[in-house]
Amino acid sequence: MPRDLPENLRLLCSYHQSIAEVCRRLGVNRSQFNRYLNGQTLPSLRLMRKMCDFFGIEEAELLMPHGQFKELIRLKPQGVGVEIDKNIVMTKAEQVIQASRSKLDTYAGYYFTYYNSMSNPGKILKGLSKIYRTPFSMNIKTLEVIGKRGHGGFTCKYEGACFTLGDRLFITAMETLTCNEAIQIILYPSYTNRIRFLSGIMSGVAAQATRPPSATQIVMQFLGTSVDLRKSLDICGLFDAEAEQIPAEVRKMISGSLREGTHLLEAAPN
């Protein structure tokens, strides 16, 4: 085993609240991690890569002589040093996301998503989303297939995390095919044991030359924990507001305007 690895790992862990926190965030057994810190065994290649991603360093750097490594870390605030004054917001967000998993288990499954198109005013976008649990968070994936690919159509793919604050559901996701947009969704929770619709507000960027920031009402229609993906995607797309693919109840929930006497756009209750 590289003789400096244990000491380098202990230095990296010192920038965190505790070794237990590092193990939790890495998904590693504490007693096994102690063996790495004591120099009793070497992490697998997969775990080495995972640790390097987590600490923000390269594998070759982790194996450097400790004196050089210590100096490297001191001069590399964008790496592990980021954990010292990291972004308190990011650290808190990770804690909130972790704590939200059990609260969101009931929401796991597939949904049709409907919202007023920011790029095609007057049209409604219908997409397919999946909310699912991981060891670290409750995640979401969304596909929007507009037109036929190869015939002027295109696909948008969003991936992100779901969490709760207060009594509202929050979703933060990024468009992963072009990586030029992030969206924020805030939803009312379901007030019944049987989820039908979740309504809220979504903000994002319109796909126009000026890319104006925009916001609109959004509705997620629960489909269950398993669906026929091909058939479900076949009925997604960009539609006129009166199209049969848009349920009347959904149409009503996303057709609201600003609250009278204000400049506020608010979500319709579920």
C-alpha atoms as a PDB file:
ATOM      1  CA  MET A   1       0.000   0.000   0.000  1.00  0.00           C
ATOM      2  CA  PRO A   2       1.272   3.528  -0.762  1.00  0.00           C
ATOM      3  CA  ARG A   3       2.593   4.605   2.635  1.00  0.00           C
ATOM      4  CA  ASP A   4       1.283   8.170   2.447  1.00  0.00           C
ATOM      5  CA  LEU A   5      -2.294   7.291   1.494  1.00  0.00           C
ATOM      6  CA  PRO A   6      -3.630   6.837   5.067  1.00  0.00           C
ATOM      7  CA  GLU A   7      -2.133  10.131   6.236  1.00  0.00           C
ATOM      8  CA  ASN A   8      -3.460  11.931   3.162  1.00  0.00           C
ATOM      9  CA  LEU A   9      -6.928  10.511   3.782  1.00  0.00           C
ATOM     10  CA  ARG A  10      -6.848  11.626   7.421  1.00  0.00           C
ATOM     11  CA  LEU A  11      -5.914  15.137   6.284  1.00  0.00           C
ATOM     12  CA  LEU A  12      -8.817  15.229   3.849  1.00  0.00           C
ATOM     13  CA  CYS A  13     -11.227  14.027   6.535  1.00  0.00           C
ATOM     14  CA  SER A  14     -10.047  16.782   8.892  1.00  0.00           C
ATOM     15  CA  TYR A  15     -11.747  19.343   6.653  1.00  0.00           C
ATOM     16  CA  HIS A  16     -15.129  17.744   7.398  1.00  0.00           C
ATOM     17  CA  GLN A  17     -17.280  17.713  10.498  1.00  0.00           C
ATOM     18  CA  SER A  18     -16.398  14.082  11.275  1.00  0.00           C
ATOM     19  CA  ILE A  19     -15.199  10.822   9.773  1.00  0.00           C
ATOM     20  CA  ALA A  20     -18.720   9.501  10.256  1.00  0.00           C
ATOM     21  CA  GLU A  21     -20.040  12.270   8.012  1.00  0.00           C
ATOM     22  CA  VAL A  22     -17.470  11.394   5.320  1.00  0.00           C
ATOM     23  CA  CYS A  23     -18.476   7.717   5.490  1.00  0.00           C
ATOM     24  CA  ARG A  24     -22.156   8.585   5.264  1.00  0.00           C
ATOM     25  CA  ARG A  25     -21.709  10.815   2.249  1.00  0.00           C
ATOM     26  CA  LEU A  26     -19.469   8.285   0.524  1.00  0.00           C
ATOM     27  CA  GLY A  27     -21.758   5.386   1.395  1.00  0.00           C
ATOM     28  CA  VAL A  28     -18.848   3.497   2.996  1.00  0.00           C
ATOM     29  CA  ASN A  29     -18.917   1.323   6.112  1.00  0.00           C
ATOM     30  CA  ARG A  30     -17.162   3.138   8.991  1.00  0.00           C
ATOM     31  CA  SER A  31     -15.154   0.123  10.164  1.00  0.00           C
ATOM     32  CA  GLN A  32     -13.979  -0.541   6.600  1.00  0.00           C
ATOM     33  CA  PHE A  33     -12.993   3.110   6.167  1.00  0.00           C
ATOM     34  CA  ASN A  34     -10.993   2.926   9.402  1.00  0.00           C
ATOM     35  CA  ARG A  35      -8.885   0.177   7.803  1.00  0.00           C
ATOM     36  CA  TYR A  36      -7.973   2.590   5.010  1.00  0.00           C
ATOM     37  CA  LEU A  37      -7.074   5.279   7.567  1.00  0.00           C
ATOM     38  CA  ASN A  38      -4.929   2.820   9.533  1.00  0.00           C
ATOM     39  CA  GLY A  39      -3.142   1.531   6.442  1.00  0.00           C
ATOM     40  CA  GLN A  40      -4.491  -2.010   6.857  1.00  0.00           C
ATOM     41  CA  THR A  41      -5.991  -2.290   3.397  1.00  0.00           C
ATOM     42  CA  LEU A  42      -6.242  -0.375   0.116  1.00  0.00           C
ATOM     43  CA  PRO A  43      -9.543   0.977  -1.256  1.00  0.00           C
ATOM     44  CA  SER A  44     -10.813  -0.551  -4.478  1.00  0.00           C
ATOM     45  CA  LEU A  45     -10.193   1.378  -7.698  1.00  0.00           C
ATOM     46  CA  ARG A  46     -13.884   2.235  -7.873  1.00  0.00           C
ATOM     47  CA  LEU A  47     -13.904   3.593  -4.326  1.00  0.00           C
ATOM     48  CA  MET A  48     -10.656   5.485  -4.935  1.00  0.00           C
ATOM     49  CA  ARG A  49     -12.313   7.284  -7.851  1.00  0.00           C
ATOM     50  CA  LYS A  50     -15.413   7.976  -5.780  1.00  0.00           C
ATOM     51  CA  MET A  51     -13.330   9.412  -2.923  1.00  0.00           C
ATOM     52  CA  CYS A  52     -11.335  11.599  -5.300  1.00  0.00           C
ATOM     53  CA  ASP A  53     -14.535  12.960  -6.848  1.00  0.00           C
ATOM     54  CA  PHE A  54     -15.899  13.635  -3.371  1.00  0.00           C
ATOM     55  CA  PHE A  55     -12.771  15.412  -2.094  1.00  0.00           C
ATOM     56  CA  GLY A  56     -12.152  17.231  -5.380  1.00  0.00           C
ATOM     57  CA  ILE A  57      -8.699  15.832  -6.139  1.00  0.00           C
ATOM     58  CA  GLU A  58      -7.006  13.553  -8.662  1.00  0.00           C
ATOM     59  CA  GLU A  59      -6.034   9.935  -7.912  1.00  0.00           C
ATOM     60  CA  ALA A  60      -2.341  10.706  -8.471  1.00  0.00           C
ATOM     61  CA  GLU A  61      -2.559  13.554  -5.964  1.00  0.00           C
ATOM     62  CA  LEU A  62      -4.022  11.278  -3.294  1.00  0.00           C
ATOM     63  CA  LEU A  63      -0.924   9.060  -3.555  1.00  0.00           C
ATOM     64  CA  MET A  64       1.608  11.889  -3.306  1.00  0.00           C
ATOM     65  CA  PRO A  65       4.131  12.078  -0.420  1.00  0.00           C
ATOM     66  CA  HIS A  66       2.296  13.595   2.530  1.00  0.00           C
ATOM     67  CA  GLY A  67       4.409  16.745   2.758  1.00  0.00           C
ATOM     68  CA  GLN A  68       3.746  17.608  -0.870  1.00  0.00           C
ATOM     69  CA  PHE A  69       0.096  16.639  -0.556  1.00  0.00           C
ATOM     70  CA  LYS A  70      -0.399  18.867   2.469  1.00  0.00           C
ATOM     71  CA  GLU A  71       1.049  21.836   0.602  1.00  0.00           C
ATOM     72  CA  LEU A  72      -1.072  21.027  -2.459  1.00  0.00           C
ATOM     73  CA  ILE A  73      -4.255  21.020  -0.408  1.00  0.00           C
ATOM     74  CA  ARG A  74      -3.298  24.253   1.306  1.00  0.00           C
ATOM     75  CA  LEU A  75      -2.895  25.938  -2.086  1.00  0.00           C
ATOM     76  CA  LYS A  76      -5.935  24.316  -3.666  1.00  0.00           C
ATOM     77  CA  PRO A  77      -9.059  25.946  -2.222  1.00  0.00           C
ATOM     78  CA  GLN A  78     -11.090  24.864  -5.215  1.00  0.00           C
ATOM     79  CA  GLY A  79     -10.415  21.253  -4.257  1.00  0.00           C
ATOM     80  CA  VAL A  80     -10.814  19.869  -0.772  1.00  0.00           C
ATOM     81  CA  GLY A  81     -10.425  23.341   0.730  1.00  0.00           C
ATOM     82  CA  VAL A  82     -13.858  24.092  -0.622  1.00  0.00           C
ATOM     83  CA  GLU A  83     -15.165  22.075   2.316  1.00  0.00           C
ATOM     84  CA  ILE A  84     -13.735  24.599   4.777  1.00  0.00           C
ATOM     85  CA  ASP A  85     -15.712  27.602   3.592  1.00  0.00           C
ATOM     86  CA  LYS A  86     -17.666  25.571   1.079  1.00  0.00           C
ATOM     87  CA  ASN A  87     -20.522  26.988   0.387  1.00  0.00           C
ATOM     88  CA  ILE A  88     -22.576  26.697   3.524  1.00  0.00           C
ATOM     89  CA  VAL A  89     -25.664  26.708   1.313  1.00  0.00           C
ATOM     90  CA  MET A  90     -24.456  23.622  -0.578  1.00  0.00           C
ATOM     91  CA  THR A  91     -23.629  21.799   2.647  1.00  0.00           C
ATOM     92  CA  LYS A  92     -27.033  22.625   4.107  1.00  0.00           C
ATOM     93  CA  ALA A  93     -28.746  21.627   0.868  1.00  0.00           C
ATOM     94  CA  GLU A  94     -27.066  18.209   0.972  1.00  0.00           C
ATOM     95  CA  GLN A  95     -28.335  17.711   4.516  1.00  0.00           C
ATOM     96  CA  VAL A  96     -31.871  18.738   3.535  1.00  0.00           C
ATOM     97  CA  ILE A  97     -31.842  16.444   0.497  1.00  0.00           C
ATOM     98  CA  GLN A  98     -30.673  13.498   2.619  1.00  0.00           C
ATOM     99  CA  ALA A  99     -33.297  14.141   5.297  1.00  0.00           C
ATOM    100  CA  SER A 100     -36.079  14.410   2.702  1.00  0.00           C
ATOM    101  CA  ARG A 101     -35.770  10.888   1.300  1.00  0.00           C
ATOM    102  CA  SER A 102     -38.125   9.133   3.720  1.00  0.00           C
ATOM    103  CA  LYS A 103     -40.650  11.979   3.512  1.00  0.00           C
ATOM    104  CA  LEU A 104     -40.792  11.619  -0.269  1.00  0.00           C
ATOM    105  CA  ASP A 105     -41.068   7.831  -0.538  1.00  0.00           C
ATOM    106  CA  THR A 106     -44.797   8.099  -1.118  1.00  0.00           C
ATOM    107  CA  TYR A 107     -44.131  10.267  -4.206  1.00  0.00           C
ATOM    108  CA  ALA A 108     -41.874   7.742  -5.953  1.00  0.00           C
ATOM    109  CA  GLY A 109     -43.182   6.721  -9.369  1.00  0.00           C
ATOM    110  CA  TYR A 110     -44.005   8.050 -12.832  1.00  0.00           C
ATOM    111  CA  TYR A 111     -45.780  11.281 -13.744  1.00  0.00           C
ATOM    112  CA  PHE A 112     -46.975  13.185 -16.762  1.00  0.00           C
ATOM    113  CA  THR A 113     -45.855  16.807 -16.393  1.00  0.00           C
ATOM    114  CA  TYR A 114     -47.818  19.651 -17.957  1.00  0.00           C
ATOM    115  CA  TYR A 115     -46.885  23.306 -18.180  1.00  0.00           C
ATOM    116  CA  ASN A 116     -47.358  26.298 -20.445  1.00  0.00           C
ATOM    117  CA  SER A 117     -44.512  26.322 -22.944  1.00  0.00           C
ATOM    118  CA  MET A 118     -42.077  29.187 -22.355  1.00  0.00           C
ATOM    119  CA  SER A 119     -40.736  28.971 -25.899  1.00  0.00           C
ATOM    120  CA  ASN A 120     -44.087  28.478 -27.655  1.00  0.00           C
ATOM    121  CA  PRO A 121     -46.633  30.723 -25.905  1.00  0.00           C
ATOM    122  CA  GLY A 122     -50.150  29.355 -26.109  1.00  0.00           C
ATOM    123  CA  LYS A 123     -48.950  25.744 -26.275  1.00  0.00           C
ATOM    124  CA  ILE A 124     -48.713  23.178 -23.461  1.00  0.00           C
ATOM    125  CA  LEU A 125     -45.743  20.867 -22.992  1.00  0.00           C
ATOM    126  CA  LYS A 126     -46.457  17.348 -21.800  1.00  0.00           C
ATOM    127  CA  GLY A 127     -43.475  15.318 -20.566  1.00  0.00           C
ATOM    128  CA  LEU A 128     -42.766  12.125 -18.653  1.00  0.00           C
ATOM    129  CA  SER A 129     -41.036  12.189 -15.263  1.00  0.00           C
ATOM    130  CA  LYS A 130     -39.827   9.585 -12.797  1.00  0.00           C
ATOM    131  CA  ILE A 131     -39.179  10.274  -9.113  1.00  0.00           C
ATOM    132  CA  TYR A 132     -36.967   7.593  -7.583  1.00  0.00           C
ATOM    133  CA  ARG A 133     -34.884   6.909  -4.475  1.00  0.00           C
ATOM    134  CA  THR A 134     -31.101   6.581  -4.424  1.00  0.00           C
ATOM    135  CA  PRO A 135     -28.760   5.919  -1.469  1.00  0.00           C
ATOM    136  CA  PHE A 136     -28.146   9.663  -1.249  1.00  0.00           C
ATOM    137  CA  SER A 137     -31.291  11.459  -2.343  1.00  0.00           C
ATOM    138  CA  MET A 138     -34.703  11.356  -3.991  1.00  0.00           C
ATOM    139  CA  ASN A 139     -34.012  12.111  -7.651  1.00  0.00           C
ATOM    140  CA  ILE A 140     -36.080  13.007 -10.684  1.00  0.00           C
ATOM    141  CA  LYS A 141     -35.657  12.446 -14.415  1.00  0.00           C
ATOM    142  CA  THR A 142     -37.838  14.104 -17.022  1.00  0.00           C
ATOM    143  CA  LEU A 143     -38.036  13.569 -20.784  1.00  0.00           C
ATOM    144  CA  GLU A 144     -39.756  15.968 -23.144  1.00  0.00           C
ATOM    145  CA  VAL A 145     -39.999  14.683 -26.716  1.00  0.00           C
ATOM    146  CA  ILE A 146     -41.173  17.382 -29.087  1.00  0.00           C
ATOM    147  CA  GLY A 147     -41.956  16.286 -32.628  1.00  0.00           C
ATOM    148  CA  LYS A 148     -40.194  13.379 -34.322  1.00  0.00           C
ATOM    149  CA  ARG A 149     -36.453  13.166 -34.000  1.00  0.00           C
ATOM    150  CA  GLY A 150     -34.797  13.519 -37.383  1.00  0.00           C
ATOM    151  CA  HIS A 151     -37.823  15.424 -38.689  1.00  0.00           C
ATOM    152  CA  GLY A 152     -37.286  18.762 -36.983  1.00  0.00           C
ATOM    153  CA  GLY A 153     -38.066  17.381 -33.541  1.00  0.00           C
ATOM    154  CA  PHE A 154     -35.894  17.365 -30.442  1.00  0.00           C
ATOM    155  CA  THR A 155     -35.634  15.933 -26.937  1.00  0.00           C
ATOM    156  CA  CYS A 156     -35.012  17.667 -23.613  1.00  0.00           C
ATOM    157  CA  LYS A 157     -33.754  15.650 -20.661  1.00  0.00           C
ATOM    158  CA  TYR A 158     -33.762  17.009 -17.116  1.00  0.00           C
ATOM    159  CA  GLU A 159     -32.172  15.388 -14.071  1.00  0.00           C
ATOM    160  CA  GLY A 160     -32.181  16.657 -10.529  1.00  0.00           C
ATOM    161  CA  ALA A 161     -33.114  16.230  -6.892  1.00  0.00           C
ATOM    162  CA  CYS A 162     -36.358  16.477  -4.915  1.00  0.00           C
ATOM    163  CA  PHE A 163     -36.582  17.683  -1.334  1.00  0.00           C
ATOM    164  CA  THR A 164     -38.998  19.158   1.167  1.00  0.00           C
ATOM    165  CA  LEU A 165     -38.892  22.422   3.082  1.00  0.00           C
ATOM    166  CA  GLY A 166     -41.751  23.354   5.332  1.00  0.00           C
ATOM    167  CA  ASP A 167     -44.785  21.691   3.776  1.00  0.00           C
ATOM    168  CA  ARG A 168     -43.792  22.193   0.151  1.00  0.00           C
ATOM    169  CA  LEU A 169     -42.008  19.971  -2.373  1.00  0.00           C
ATOM    170  CA  PHE A 170     -39.008  21.425  -4.209  1.00  0.00           C
ATOM    171  CA  ILE A 171     -37.356  20.120  -7.386  1.00  0.00           C
ATOM    172  CA  THR A 172     -34.104  21.490  -8.790  1.00  0.00           C
ATOM    173  CA  ALA A 173     -32.989  19.995 -12.108  1.00  0.00           C
ATOM    174  CA  MET A 174     -30.656  20.678 -15.040  1.00  0.00           C
ATOM    175  CA  GLU A 175     -31.172  20.027 -18.729  1.00  0.00           C
ATOM    176  CA  THR A 176     -28.428  17.459 -19.295  1.00  0.00           C
ATOM    177  CA  LEU A 177     -28.265  17.227 -23.093  1.00  0.00           C
ATOM    178  CA  THR A 178     -27.314  20.854 -23.721  1.00  0.00           C
ATOM    179  CA  CYS A 179     -26.430  21.866 -20.139  1.00  0.00           C
ATOM    180  CA  ASN A 180     -27.697  25.391 -20.776  1.00  0.00           C
ATOM    181  CA  GLU A 181     -30.670  25.530 -18.405  1.00  0.00           C
ATOM    182  CA  ALA A 182     -31.653  24.742 -14.833  1.00  0.00           C
ATOM    183  CA  ILE A 183     -35.240  24.708 -13.584  1.00  0.00           C
ATOM    184  CA  GLN A 184     -36.804  25.143 -10.161  1.00  0.00           C
ATOM    185  CA  ILE A 185     -40.202  23.679  -9.315  1.00  0.00           C
ATOM    186  CA  ILE A 186     -42.190  24.242  -6.109  1.00  0.00           C
ATOM    187  CA  LEU A 187     -45.243  22.032  -5.571  1.00  0.00           C
ATOM    188  CA  TYR A 188     -48.066  21.655  -3.118  1.00  0.00           C
ATOM    189  CA  PRO A 189     -47.856  18.249  -1.400  1.00  0.00           C
ATOM    190  CA  SER A 190     -50.612  15.683  -1.776  1.00  0.00           C
ATOM    191  CA  TYR A 191     -53.223  16.143   0.934  1.00  0.00           C
ATOM    192  CA  THR A 192     -54.706  12.667   0.410  1.00  0.00           C
ATOM    193  CA  ASN A 193     -53.301   9.139   0.614  1.00  0.00           C
ATOM    194  CA  ARG A 194     -53.912   8.657  -3.104  1.00  0.00           C
ATOM    195  CA  ILE A 195     -51.816  10.992  -5.235  1.00  0.00           C
ATOM    196  CA  ARG A 196     -53.533  12.290  -8.351  1.00  0.00           C
ATOM    197  CA  PHE A 197     -52.106  15.696  -9.179  1.00  0.00           C
ATOM    198  CA  LEU A 198     -49.327  17.866  -7.777  1.00  0.00           C
ATOM    199  CA  SER A 199     -49.586  21.519  -8.759  1.00  0.00           C
ATOM    200  CA  GLY A 200     -47.070  24.301  -8.454  1.00  0.00           C
ATOM    201  CA  ILE A 201     -44.862  26.858 -10.157  1.00  0.00           C
ATOM    202  CA  MET A 202     -41.869  26.247 -12.426  1.00  0.00           C
ATOM    203  CA  SER A 203     -39.202  28.776 -13.374  1.00  0.00           C
ATOM    204  CA  GLY A 204     -36.709  28.392 -16.190  1.00  0.00           C
ATOM    205  CA  VAL A 205     -35.413  29.949 -19.395  1.00  0.00           C
ATOM    206  CA  ALA A 206     -37.294  30.175 -22.670  1.00  0.00           C
ATOM    207  CA  ALA A 207     -35.465  28.647 -25.640  1.00  0.00           C
ATOM    208  CA  GLN A 208     -35.463  31.870 -27.635  1.00  0.00           C
ATOM    209  CA  ALA A 209     -32.658  34.071 -28.884  1.00  0.00           C
ATOM    210  CA  THR A 210     -32.986  36.401 -25.883  1.00  0.00           C
ATOM    211  CA  ARG A 211     -33.383  33.475 -23.408  1.00  0.00           C
ATOM    212  CA  PRO A 212     -35.741  35.371 -21.097  1.00  0.00           C
ATOM    213  CA  PRO A 213     -36.172  33.950 -17.565  1.00  0.00           C
ATOM    214  CA  SER A 214     -39.784  32.800 -17.276  1.00  0.00           C
ATOM    215  CA  ALA A 215     -42.215  31.196 -14.852  1.00  0.00           C
ATOM    216  CA  THR A 216     -45.434  29.248 -15.311  1.00  0.00           C
ATOM    217  CA  GLN A 217     -47.854  26.996 -13.507  1.00  0.00           C
ATOM    218  CA  ILE A 218     -47.094  23.272 -13.684  1.00  0.00           C
ATOM    219  CA  VAL A 219     -49.021  20.090 -12.897  1.00  0.00           C
ATOM    220  CA  MET A 220     -47.655  16.583 -12.334  1.00  0.00           C
ATOM    221  CA  GLN A 221     -50.143  13.742 -12.872  1.00  0.00           C
ATOM    222  CA  PHE A 222     -49.263  10.553 -10.975  1.00  0.00           C
ATOM    223  CA  LEU A 223     -49.312   7.422 -13.176  1.00  0.00           C
ATOM    224  CA  GLY A 224     -48.124   4.721 -10.765  1.00  0.00           C
ATOM    225  CA  THR A 225     -44.877   2.946  -9.999  1.00  0.00           C
ATOM    226  CA  SER A 226     -44.596   1.268 -13.415  1.00  0.00           C
ATOM    227  CA  VAL A 227     -45.637   2.331 -16.917  1.00  0.00           C
ATOM    228  CA  ASP A 228     -45.127   1.361 -20.530  1.00  0.00           C
ATOM    229  CA  LEU A 229     -42.394   3.877 -21.317  1.00  0.00           C
ATOM    230  CA  ARG A 230     -42.740   3.726 -25.085  1.00  0.00           C
ATOM    231  CA  LYS A 231     -46.507   4.231 -25.038  1.00  0.00           C
ATOM    232  CA  SER A 232     -46.254   6.958 -22.414  1.00  0.00           C
ATOM    233  CA  LEU A 233     -43.630   8.896 -24.375  1.00  0.00           C
ATOM    234  CA  ASP A 234     -45.659   8.498 -27.574  1.00  0.00           C
ATOM    235  CA  ILE A 235     -48.410  10.665 -26.086  1.00  0.00           C
ATOM    236  CA  CYS A 236     -46.048  13.366 -24.849  1.00  0.00           C
ATOM    237  CA  GLY A 237     -45.142  16.474 -26.813  1.00  0.00           C
ATOM    238  CA  LEU A 238     -46.150  20.067 -27.533  1.00  0.00           C
ATOM    239  CA  PHE A 239     -49.913  20.537 -27.856  1.00  0.00           C
ATOM    240  CA  ASP A 240     -52.596  23.157 -28.324  1.00  0.00           C
ATOM    241  CA  ALA A 241     -54.307  23.996 -25.052  1.00  0.00           C
ATOM    242  CA  GLU A 242     -57.535  22.306 -26.185  1.00  0.00           C
ATOM    243  CA  ALA A 243     -55.865  19.093 -27.423  1.00  0.00           C
ATOM    244  CA  GLU A 244     -57.310  15.825 -26.137  1.00  0.00           C
ATOM    245  CA  GLN A 245     -53.887  14.886 -24.719  1.00  0.00           C
ATOM    246  CA  ILE A 246     -54.367  17.601 -22.069  1.00  0.00           C
ATOM    247  CA  PRO A 247     -56.968  16.605 -19.437  1.00  0.00           C
ATOM    248  CA  ALA A 248     -59.575  19.290 -18.759  1.00  0.00           C
ATOM    249  CA  GLU A 249     -58.699  19.285 -15.045  1.00  0.00           C
ATOM    250  CA  VAL A 250     -55.037  19.917 -15.848  1.00  0.00           C
ATOM    251  CA  ARG A 251     -55.910  22.624 -18.356  1.00  0.00           C
ATOM    252  CA  LYS A 252     -57.847  24.456 -15.660  1.00  0.00           C
ATOM    253  CA  MET A 253     -55.013  24.154 -13.118  1.00  0.00           C
ATOM    254  CA  ILE A 254     -52.414  25.754 -15.405  1.00  0.00           C
ATOM    255  CA  SER A 255     -54.599  28.415 -16.996  1.00  0.00           C
ATOM    256  CA  GLY A 256     -54.508  30.914 -14.135  1.00  0.00           C
ATOM    257  CA  SER A 257     -53.268  34.462 -14.429  1.00  0.00           C
ATOM    258  CA  LEU A 258     -51.739  36.919 -11.968  1.00  0.00           C
ATOM    259  CA  ARG A 259     -53.489  37.303  -8.643  1.00  0.00           C
ATOM    260  CA  GLU A 260     -55.851  40.260  -8.887  1.00  0.00           C
ATOM    261  CA  GLY A 261     -54.270  43.498  -7.738  1.00  0.00           C
ATOM    262  CA  THR A 262     -50.732  42.070  -7.709  1.00  0.00           C
ATOM    263  CA  HIS A 263     -47.916  41.026 -10.034  1.00  0.00           C
ATOM    264  CA  LEU A 264     -47.785  37.534  -8.479  1.00  0.00           C
ATOM    265  CA  LEU A 265     -48.229  34.271 -10.359  1.00  0.00           C
ATOM    266  CA  GLU A 266     -49.530  31.617  -7.955  1.00  0.00           C
ATOM    267  CA  ALA A 267     -50.172  27.892  -8.265  1.00  0.00           C
ATOM    268  CA  ALA A 268     -53.675  26.496  -8.153  1.00  0.00           C
ATOM    269  CA  PRO A 269     -54.218  24.124  -5.178  1.00  0.00           C
ATOM    270  CA  ASN A 270     -54.214  20.381  -5.958  1.00  0.00           C
END
